[in-house]
Structures are given as C-alpha cells and as structure tokens.
Protein backbone atom coordinates (compact mmCIF):
# COMPACT_ATOMS: atom_id res chain seq x y z
CA UNK A 1 0.00 0.00 0.00
CA UNK A 2 1.06 3.58 -0.69
CA UNK A 3 0.26 6.77 1.18
CA UNK A 4 -0.02 9.87 -1.00
CA UNK A 5 0.45 13.06 1.01
CA UNK A 6 0.12 16.47 -0.56
CA UNK A 7 1.19 19.49 1.49
CA UNK A 8 -0.41 22.86 0.85
CA UNK A 9 0.22 26.32 2.19
CA UNK A 10 -3.18 27.88 2.90
CA UNK A 11 -3.69 31.63 2.59
CA UNK A 12 -3.80 33.42 5.93
CA UNK A 13 -7.21 33.22 7.58
CA UNK A 14 -8.61 30.78 4.98
CA UNK A 15 -8.07 27.40 6.70
CA UNK A 16 -11.76 26.93 7.51
CA UNK A 17 -12.68 27.60 3.87
CA UNK A 18 -10.07 25.05 2.75
CA UNK A 19 -11.51 22.42 5.09
CA UNK A 20 -15.05 23.19 3.92
CA UNK A 21 -13.97 22.89 0.26
CA UNK A 22 -12.45 19.45 0.87
CA UNK A 23 -15.49 18.35 2.85
CA UNK A 24 -17.87 19.48 0.09
CA UNK A 25 -15.76 17.81 -2.61
CA UNK A 26 -15.76 14.49 -0.74
CA UNK A 27 -19.44 14.66 0.23
CA UNK A 28 -21.07 11.54 -1.12
CA UNK A 29 -17.75 9.92 -2.08
CA UNK A 30 -17.02 6.73 -0.18
CA UNK A 31 -13.25 7.12 0.06
CA UNK A 32 -12.93 3.89 2.03
CA UNK A 33 -14.42 2.07 -0.95
CA UNK A 34 -12.38 4.01 -3.49
CA UNK A 35 -9.05 3.58 -1.73
CA UNK A 36 -9.49 -0.01 -0.64
CA UNK A 37 -10.64 0.41 2.92
CA UNK A 38 -8.76 3.48 4.14
CA UNK A 39 -10.38 6.88 4.34
CA UNK A 40 -8.83 10.09 3.13
CA UNK A 41 -7.21 12.06 5.92
CA UNK A 42 -6.59 15.76 6.36
CA UNK A 43 -3.94 16.96 8.78
CA UNK A 44 -3.96 20.48 10.15
CA UNK A 45 -1.10 21.73 12.27
CA UNK A 46 -1.07 22.08 15.99
CA UNK A 47 1.15 25.16 15.82
CA UNK A 48 1.50 26.63 12.30
CA UNK A 49 -1.87 27.97 11.11
CA UNK A 50 -1.31 27.80 7.35
CA UNK A 51 -0.26 24.25 6.49
CA UNK A 52 -2.66 21.50 5.40
CA UNK A 53 -1.78 17.93 4.45
CA UNK A 54 -4.17 15.78 2.43
CA UNK A 55 -3.52 12.03 2.51
CA UNK A 56 -5.01 8.99 0.80
CA UNK A 57 -3.95 5.36 0.92
CA UNK A 58 -3.85 3.42 -2.36
CA UNK A 59 -2.96 -0.11 -3.34
CA UNK A 60 -0.66 1.13 -6.10
CA UNK A 61 0.28 4.14 -8.25
CA UNK A 62 -1.89 3.05 -11.18
CA UNK A 63 -5.04 3.00 -9.01
CA UNK A 64 -4.32 6.49 -7.69
CA UNK A 65 -3.64 7.96 -11.13
CA UNK A 66 -6.66 6.30 -12.77
CA UNK A 67 -9.04 7.46 -10.05
CA UNK A 68 -7.95 11.11 -10.13
CA UNK A 69 -7.89 11.27 -13.92
CA UNK A 70 -11.45 9.93 -14.06
CA UNK A 71 -12.56 12.18 -11.20
CA UNK A 72 -11.27 15.34 -12.88
CA UNK A 73 -12.73 14.42 -16.27
CA UNK A 74 -16.15 13.05 -15.30
CA UNK A 75 -17.20 14.80 -12.09
CA UNK A 76 -19.02 18.11 -12.63
CA UNK A 77 -17.96 19.33 -9.18
CA UNK A 78 -14.25 18.94 -9.94
CA UNK A 79 -13.75 22.21 -11.84
CA UNK A 80 -15.50 24.42 -9.24
CA UNK A 81 -13.52 22.70 -6.48
CA UNK A 82 -10.18 23.45 -8.16
CA UNK A 83 -11.24 27.07 -8.72
CA UNK A 84 -12.12 27.45 -5.02
CA UNK A 85 -8.95 25.58 -4.01
CA UNK A 86 -6.82 28.04 -6.01
CA UNK A 87 -8.46 30.90 -4.07
CA UNK A 88 -7.73 29.50 -0.60
CA UNK A 89 -4.28 28.04 -1.20
CA UNK A 90 -1.05 29.94 -1.58
CA UNK A 91 0.92 27.06 -3.09
CA UNK A 92 1.47 23.33 -3.24
CA UNK A 93 4.63 22.45 -1.36
CA UNK A 94 4.76 18.97 -2.87
CA UNK A 95 3.44 15.45 -2.94
CA UNK A 96 5.14 12.58 -1.16
CA UNK A 97 4.50 8.91 -1.75
CA UNK A 98 5.23 6.56 1.15
CA UNK A 99 5.12 2.78 1.54
CA UNK A 100 2.70 1.91 4.33
CA UNK A 101 4.11 -0.55 6.85
CA UNK A 102 1.89 -1.54 9.74
CA UNK A 103 3.07 -3.07 12.97
CA UNK A 104 0.62 -4.74 15.27
C-alpha cells in the first residue's frame, strides 16, 4: 500500500474555507471504498496555522492515477472545487508517496 500526502500552504485566515472545500468535494464519495478500505485524511497543524496535508492510501500508483484522472474528467464538481482551491491556497509544497508498513 502507498500513502499519498500532498502538502499545501493555505492563505492566511482561509483554513476553515479550505476544510469546507475538501469536505464538500468528498461529500457523497465513499473514500474507504475508493481507496481499498482506508479513508482520506486531512492533517492540520497544531502550531503553524497555514499548512494543510491531504492524505489517501492506495494499493498502487496506477489505481491512484486512474481514479484522479477519471474524477477530474467526469465529475461536474471537480472544476468548481479546483477554482475554489486556487483561491484558498497559496501554493502546493509537494506530494510525497510513502510505503505503508503496519506493525501490530
């Protein structure tokens, strides 16, 4: 399994709008079903007010890429989301891909 984490710098005072935009975009999407049993996660900082991390877990790179390509091309809500996201974010710091190793 792979964890995709994208880090964003959110414009000052716009964190709540960013969280609402993500929530609205995922409303009605069963991310646990899409990503094979693991929900999407959003991390907000304890100290720094302007950083947001969005994370999803995927079985492989091909599944991730296919899902997001289809989502952007076939979902009417995708374009308005990206427009709103551009308003509330300052920049994308980067995307990291991590192997998920679980210890029990």
